[in-house]
Amino acid sequence: MVTDISSEIKNIIEKRQPLAKRVEKVETHLTFLQQRIQQLIKQRNNFLPELNDAQTLANLQEINLEKIEADIRTNLTTISKLKARFSRQTLNIGVVGRPRQGKIH
């Protein structure tokens, strides 16, 4: 029975490794997007004072790049936690029961 549990834990950990790689790719892509959005914000801020067309100025100000960047930052935090979880070589096992009642049977 101990061998069954050990092999099951090993299988779960092995299944997580491809997920960790996929999450890492997403993290890399989101980081790239975040950098590009930050560049766009800087370029827009440099470009706005030079605009003479009120409609174009309004259109550029209407695009909420800061919110997009904040959303990406939030997603990066979540992705980072997933990456850490899937990359671990250990498995956390929760036990249900009343306190001080002994759970080993």
C-alpha atoms as a PDB file:
ATOM      1  CA  MET A   1       0.000   0.000   0.000  1.00  0.00           C
ATOM      2  CA  VAL A   2       2.853   2.406   0.789  1.00  0.00           C
ATOM      3  CA  THR A   3       4.334   1.648  -2.636  1.00  0.00           C
ATOM      4  CA  ASP A   4       0.982   2.427  -4.271  1.00  0.00           C
ATOM      5  CA  ILE A   5       0.824   5.788  -2.535  1.00  0.00           C
ATOM      6  CA  SER A   6       4.450   6.548  -3.397  1.00  0.00           C
ATOM      7  CA  SER A   7       3.950   5.658  -7.052  1.00  0.00           C
ATOM      8  CA  GLU A   8       0.739   7.698  -7.188  1.00  0.00           C
ATOM      9  CA  ILE A   9       2.544  10.735  -5.757  1.00  0.00           C
ATOM     10  CA  LYS A  10       5.372  10.232  -8.252  1.00  0.00           C
ATOM     11  CA  ASN A  11       2.850  10.071 -11.115  1.00  0.00           C
ATOM     12  CA  ILE A  12       1.163  13.280  -9.991  1.00  0.00           C
ATOM     13  CA  ILE A  13       4.503  15.093  -9.794  1.00  0.00           C
ATOM     14  CA  GLU A  14       5.490  13.812 -13.253  1.00  0.00           C
ATOM     15  CA  LYS A  15       2.183  15.012 -14.714  1.00  0.00           C
ATOM     16  CA  ARG A  16       2.839  18.490 -13.334  1.00  0.00           C
ATOM     17  CA  GLN A  17       6.148  18.946 -15.157  1.00  0.00           C
ATOM     18  CA  PRO A  18       4.598  19.565 -18.618  1.00  0.00           C
ATOM     19  CA  LEU A  19       2.167  21.980 -16.982  1.00  0.00           C
ATOM     20  CA  ALA A  20       5.085  23.874 -15.458  1.00  0.00           C
ATOM     21  CA  LYS A  21       6.643  24.236 -18.918  1.00  0.00           C
ATOM     22  CA  ARG A  22       3.370  25.480 -20.418  1.00  0.00           C
ATOM     23  CA  VAL A  23       2.912  27.977 -17.598  1.00  0.00           C
ATOM     24  CA  GLU A  24       6.485  29.182 -18.097  1.00  0.00           C
ATOM     25  CA  LYS A  25       5.754  29.873 -21.785  1.00  0.00           C
ATOM     26  CA  VAL A  26       2.672  31.881 -20.817  1.00  0.00           C
ATOM     27  CA  GLU A  27       4.710  33.790 -18.238  1.00  0.00           C
ATOM     28  CA  THR A  28       7.342  34.649 -20.848  1.00  0.00           C
ATOM     29  CA  HIS A  29       4.686  35.834 -23.285  1.00  0.00           C
ATOM     30  CA  LEU A  30       2.917  37.960 -20.663  1.00  0.00           C
ATOM     31  CA  THR A  31       6.222  39.537 -19.632  1.00  0.00           C
ATOM     32  CA  PHE A  32       6.892  40.401 -23.284  1.00  0.00           C
ATOM     33  CA  LEU A  33       3.410  41.937 -23.616  1.00  0.00           C
ATOM     34  CA  GLN A  34       3.868  43.914 -20.404  1.00  0.00           C
ATOM     35  CA  GLN A  35       7.128  45.389 -21.700  1.00  0.00           C
ATOM     36  CA  ARG A  36       5.490  46.346 -25.004  1.00  0.00           C
ATOM     37  CA  ILE A  37       2.541  47.982 -23.231  1.00  0.00           C
ATOM     38  CA  GLN A  38       4.949  49.986 -21.063  1.00  0.00           C
ATOM     39  CA  GLN A  39       6.743  51.135 -24.220  1.00  0.00           C
ATOM     40  CA  LEU A  40       3.414  52.146 -25.767  1.00  0.00           C
ATOM     41  CA  ILE A  41       2.523  54.164 -22.677  1.00  0.00           C
ATOM     42  CA  LYS A  42       5.835  56.036 -22.853  1.00  0.00           C
ATOM     43  CA  GLN A  43       5.505  56.667 -26.587  1.00  0.00           C
ATOM     44  CA  ARG A  44       1.911  57.850 -26.226  1.00  0.00           C
ATOM     45  CA  ASN A  45       2.859  60.208 -23.385  1.00  0.00           C
ATOM     46  CA  ASN A  46       5.670  61.670 -25.495  1.00  0.00           C
ATOM     47  CA  PHE A  47       3.421  61.970 -28.548  1.00  0.00           C
ATOM     48  CA  LEU A  48       0.305  63.526 -26.952  1.00  0.00           C
ATOM     49  CA  PRO A  49       1.703  67.066 -26.414  1.00  0.00           C
ATOM     50  CA  GLU A  50       2.628  67.276 -30.107  1.00  0.00           C
ATOM     51  CA  LEU A  51      -0.875  66.482 -31.400  1.00  0.00           C
ATOM     52  CA  ASN A  52      -2.930  69.272 -32.954  1.00  0.00           C
ATOM     53  CA  ASP A  53      -5.954  67.136 -33.828  1.00  0.00           C
ATOM     54  CA  ALA A  54      -8.440  67.043 -30.938  1.00  0.00           C
ATOM     55  CA  GLN A  55     -10.162  63.873 -32.162  1.00  0.00           C
ATOM     56  CA  THR A  56      -6.904  61.925 -32.411  1.00  0.00           C
ATOM     57  CA  LEU A  57      -5.872  63.222 -28.993  1.00  0.00           C
ATOM     58  CA  ALA A  58      -9.185  62.069 -27.495  1.00  0.00           C
ATOM     59  CA  ASN A  59      -8.909  58.667 -29.179  1.00  0.00           C
ATOM     60  CA  LEU A  60      -5.397  58.080 -27.843  1.00  0.00           C
ATOM     61  CA  GLN A  61      -6.354  59.165 -24.337  1.00  0.00           C
ATOM     62  CA  GLU A  62      -9.390  56.881 -24.424  1.00  0.00           C
ATOM     63  CA  ILE A  63      -7.219  53.764 -24.696  1.00  0.00           C
ATOM     64  CA  ASN A  64      -6.605  52.632 -21.126  1.00  0.00           C
ATOM     65  CA  LEU A  65      -3.141  51.120 -21.493  1.00  0.00           C
ATOM     66  CA  GLU A  66      -2.520  51.435 -17.768  1.00  0.00           C
ATOM     67  CA  LYS A  67      -5.437  49.106 -16.990  1.00  0.00           C
ATOM     68  CA  ILE A  68      -4.210  46.602 -19.568  1.00  0.00           C
ATOM     69  CA  GLU A  69      -0.746  46.714 -18.011  1.00  0.00           C
ATOM     70  CA  ALA A  70      -2.227  46.283 -14.513  1.00  0.00           C
ATOM     71  CA  ASP A  71      -4.268  43.280 -15.705  1.00  0.00           C
ATOM     72  CA  ILE A  72      -1.140  41.713 -17.170  1.00  0.00           C
ATOM     73  CA  ARG A  73       0.703  42.337 -13.888  1.00  0.00           C
ATOM     74  CA  THR A  74      -2.125  40.624 -11.959  1.00  0.00           C
ATOM     75  CA  ASN A  75      -2.035  37.659 -14.321  1.00  0.00           C
ATOM     76  CA  LEU A  76       1.744  37.444 -13.995  1.00  0.00           C
ATOM     77  CA  THR A  77       1.361  37.161 -10.216  1.00  0.00           C
ATOM     78  CA  THR A  78      -1.120  34.307 -10.632  1.00  0.00           C
ATOM     79  CA  ILE A  79       1.042  32.597 -13.252  1.00  0.00           C
ATOM     80  CA  SER A  80       4.078  32.882 -10.980  1.00  0.00           C
ATOM     81  CA  LYS A  81       2.216  31.058  -8.205  1.00  0.00           C
ATOM     82  CA  LEU A  82       1.112  28.328 -10.614  1.00  0.00           C
ATOM     83  CA  LYS A  83       4.641  27.939 -11.920  1.00  0.00           C
ATOM     84  CA  ALA A  84       5.980  27.540  -8.385  1.00  0.00           C
ATOM     85  CA  ARG A  85       3.304  24.969  -7.579  1.00  0.00           C
ATOM     86  CA  PHE A  86       3.772  22.886 -10.725  1.00  0.00           C
ATOM     87  CA  SER A  87       7.579  23.026 -10.523  1.00  0.00           C
ATOM     88  CA  ARG A  88       7.763  21.624  -6.989  1.00  0.00           C
ATOM     89  CA  GLN A  89       9.160  18.138  -6.554  1.00  0.00           C
ATOM     90  CA  THR A  90       6.903  17.591  -3.541  1.00  0.00           C
ATOM     91  CA  LEU A  91       3.174  17.175  -3.091  1.00  0.00           C
ATOM     92  CA  ASN A  92       1.165  18.763  -0.294  1.00  0.00           C
ATOM     93  CA  ILE A  93      -1.419  16.377   1.109  1.00  0.00           C
ATOM     94  CA  GLY A  94      -4.324  17.666   3.171  1.00  0.00           C
ATOM     95  CA  VAL A  95      -5.910  15.616   5.929  1.00  0.00           C
ATOM     96  CA  VAL A  96      -9.537  15.992   6.966  1.00  0.00           C
ATOM     97  CA  GLY A  97     -10.706  15.325  10.495  1.00  0.00           C
ATOM     98  CA  ARG A  98     -11.154  16.728  13.937  1.00  0.00           C
ATOM     99  CA  PRO A  99      -8.199  18.193  15.794  1.00  0.00           C
ATOM    100  CA  ARG A 100      -6.337  15.834  18.124  1.00  0.00           C
ATOM    101  CA  GLN A 101      -8.307  12.781  16.992  1.00  0.00           C
ATOM    102  CA  GLY A 102      -5.498  10.964  15.202  1.00  0.00           C
ATOM    103  CA  LYS A 103      -5.784  10.551  11.472  1.00  0.00           C
ATOM    104  CA  ILE A 104      -3.466   7.638  10.793  1.00  0.00           C
ATOM    105  CA  HIS A 105      -5.305   4.374  10.199  1.00  0.00           C
END
